[in-house]
Amino acid sequence: MQIFYIFQFRSGFKYEVLKNPFGRDTGINYALPLEVVEIRDVIIKKKVNNFNLSEDFINNKYLYQRAIEFNYPIRIKKDSKFIFYLKNESISNSCQLIESGNYIKLAKC
């Protein structure tokens, strides 16, 4: 019982991961920023085959790297018409909002 306590509360280990350790999406919400997980969900929902990230995304090196790695094989492309923005960013007037989530927005430019 004490081992469970140490795993759950002291080490930051999540029991939910242990219940299904080989599941497809097990632990992604603990290992990745929620913005990156939401990008993947929107890519699947909207069937986006390439994307670009806004300047704020690119300037945040951690989010930028994780977004590229996690969404592979869907690739980032500088001239893509689909651009992901952080929720608090404003979208260019020449772009149309496609999807707005809790953490990110997708626009078509």
Protein backbone atom coordinates (compact mmCIF):
# COMPACT_ATOMS: atom_id res chain seq x y z
CA MET A 1 0.00 0.00 0.00
CA GLN A 2 2.82 2.38 0.78
CA ILE A 3 4.38 1.72 -2.64
CA PHE A 4 1.12 2.82 -4.29
CA TYR A 5 1.16 5.97 -2.17
CA ILE A 6 4.73 6.77 -3.23
CA PHE A 7 3.95 6.17 -6.91
CA GLN A 8 0.73 8.14 -6.91
CA PHE A 9 1.50 11.15 -4.75
CA ARG A 10 5.22 11.54 -4.23
CA SER A 11 6.73 10.66 -7.58
CA GLY A 12 4.10 12.29 -9.78
CA PHE A 13 3.42 8.91 -11.37
CA LYS A 14 -0.15 8.55 -12.61
CA TYR A 15 -2.03 5.33 -11.90
CA GLU A 16 -4.07 5.82 -15.08
CA VAL A 17 -0.92 5.10 -17.10
CA LEU A 18 -0.33 1.84 -15.21
CA LYS A 19 -3.91 0.65 -15.87
CA ASN A 20 -3.38 0.65 -19.65
CA PRO A 21 0.35 1.02 -20.31
CA PHE A 22 0.28 -0.04 -23.96
CA GLY A 23 -2.77 1.90 -25.09
CA ARG A 24 -2.38 4.17 -28.09
CA ASP A 25 -2.80 7.49 -26.26
CA THR A 26 -1.91 6.43 -22.73
CA GLY A 27 -0.20 9.24 -20.88
CA ILE A 28 -0.10 11.85 -23.64
CA ASN A 29 -1.97 14.38 -21.49
CA TYR A 30 0.73 13.97 -18.83
CA ALA A 31 3.72 13.99 -21.17
CA LEU A 32 2.78 16.65 -23.71
CA PRO A 33 1.52 20.21 -23.59
CA LEU A 34 -2.24 20.38 -24.09
CA GLU A 35 -1.77 22.71 -27.05
CA VAL A 36 0.13 20.00 -28.91
CA VAL A 37 -2.44 17.32 -28.13
CA GLU A 38 -5.19 19.63 -29.35
CA ILE A 39 -3.31 20.30 -32.60
CA ARG A 40 -3.23 16.56 -33.25
CA ASP A 41 -6.96 16.25 -32.56
CA VAL A 42 -7.78 19.09 -34.98
CA ILE A 43 -5.46 17.64 -37.66
CA ILE A 44 -7.33 14.34 -37.47
CA LYS A 45 -10.78 15.96 -37.33
CA LYS A 46 -10.17 18.34 -40.25
CA LYS A 47 -7.98 15.91 -42.26
CA VAL A 48 -5.13 18.39 -42.56
CA ASN A 49 -2.21 16.96 -44.55
CA ASN A 50 0.31 19.74 -43.74
CA PHE A 51 0.32 22.79 -41.49
CA ASN A 52 2.28 25.79 -40.33
CA LEU A 53 2.57 27.43 -36.94
CA SER A 54 2.18 31.08 -35.97
CA GLU A 55 5.08 33.25 -34.88
CA ASP A 56 4.19 32.83 -31.18
CA PHE A 57 4.27 29.04 -31.61
CA ILE A 58 7.61 29.20 -33.42
CA ASN A 59 9.11 31.51 -30.80
CA ASN A 60 8.16 29.06 -28.04
CA LYS A 61 10.83 26.46 -28.85
CA TYR A 62 9.33 23.82 -26.54
CA LEU A 63 5.85 23.96 -28.11
CA TYR A 64 7.35 24.20 -31.60
CA GLN A 65 9.50 21.10 -31.18
CA ARG A 66 6.78 19.03 -29.54
CA ALA A 67 4.19 20.01 -32.17
CA ILE A 68 6.47 18.87 -34.98
CA GLU A 69 7.52 15.62 -33.29
CA PHE A 70 4.12 14.52 -32.03
CA ASN A 71 2.25 15.18 -35.26
CA TYR A 72 4.68 13.32 -37.52
CA PRO A 73 4.09 12.07 -40.27
CA ILE A 74 1.94 15.18 -40.88
CA ARG A 75 4.59 17.74 -41.67
CA ILE A 76 5.06 21.41 -41.08
CA LYS A 77 5.22 23.35 -44.35
CA LYS A 78 6.03 27.06 -44.54
CA ASP A 79 3.64 27.69 -47.43
CA SER A 80 0.76 25.66 -45.97
CA LYS A 81 -2.65 27.32 -46.05
CA PHE A 82 -3.46 25.85 -42.59
CA ILE A 83 -1.90 27.79 -39.72
CA PHE A 84 -2.25 27.00 -36.02
CA TYR A 85 -2.38 29.91 -33.58
CA LEU A 86 -2.31 29.96 -29.80
CA LYS A 87 -5.71 30.76 -28.31
CA ASN A 88 -4.72 34.29 -27.22
CA GLU A 89 -3.21 35.27 -30.61
CA SER A 90 -5.03 37.35 -33.15
CA ILE A 91 -5.48 35.93 -36.63
CA SER A 92 -4.53 37.87 -39.74
CA ASN A 93 -7.41 39.60 -41.56
CA SER A 94 -6.62 37.58 -44.67
CA CYS A 95 -7.28 34.32 -42.82
CA GLN A 96 -10.52 32.49 -42.08
CA LEU A 97 -11.02 30.79 -38.71
CA ILE A 98 -11.66 27.07 -39.26
CA GLU A 99 -11.60 25.67 -35.71
CA SER A 100 -11.24 27.15 -32.26
CA GLY A 101 -10.40 24.90 -29.32
CA ASN A 102 -9.50 25.35 -25.69
CA TYR A 103 -5.82 26.09 -26.36
CA ILE A 104 -5.35 26.66 -30.10
CA LYS A 105 -7.04 28.01 -33.22
CA LEU A 106 -6.78 26.77 -36.80
CA ALA A 107 -7.04 29.27 -39.63
CA LYS A 108 -6.98 28.90 -43.40
CA CYS A 109 -4.99 31.62 -45.13
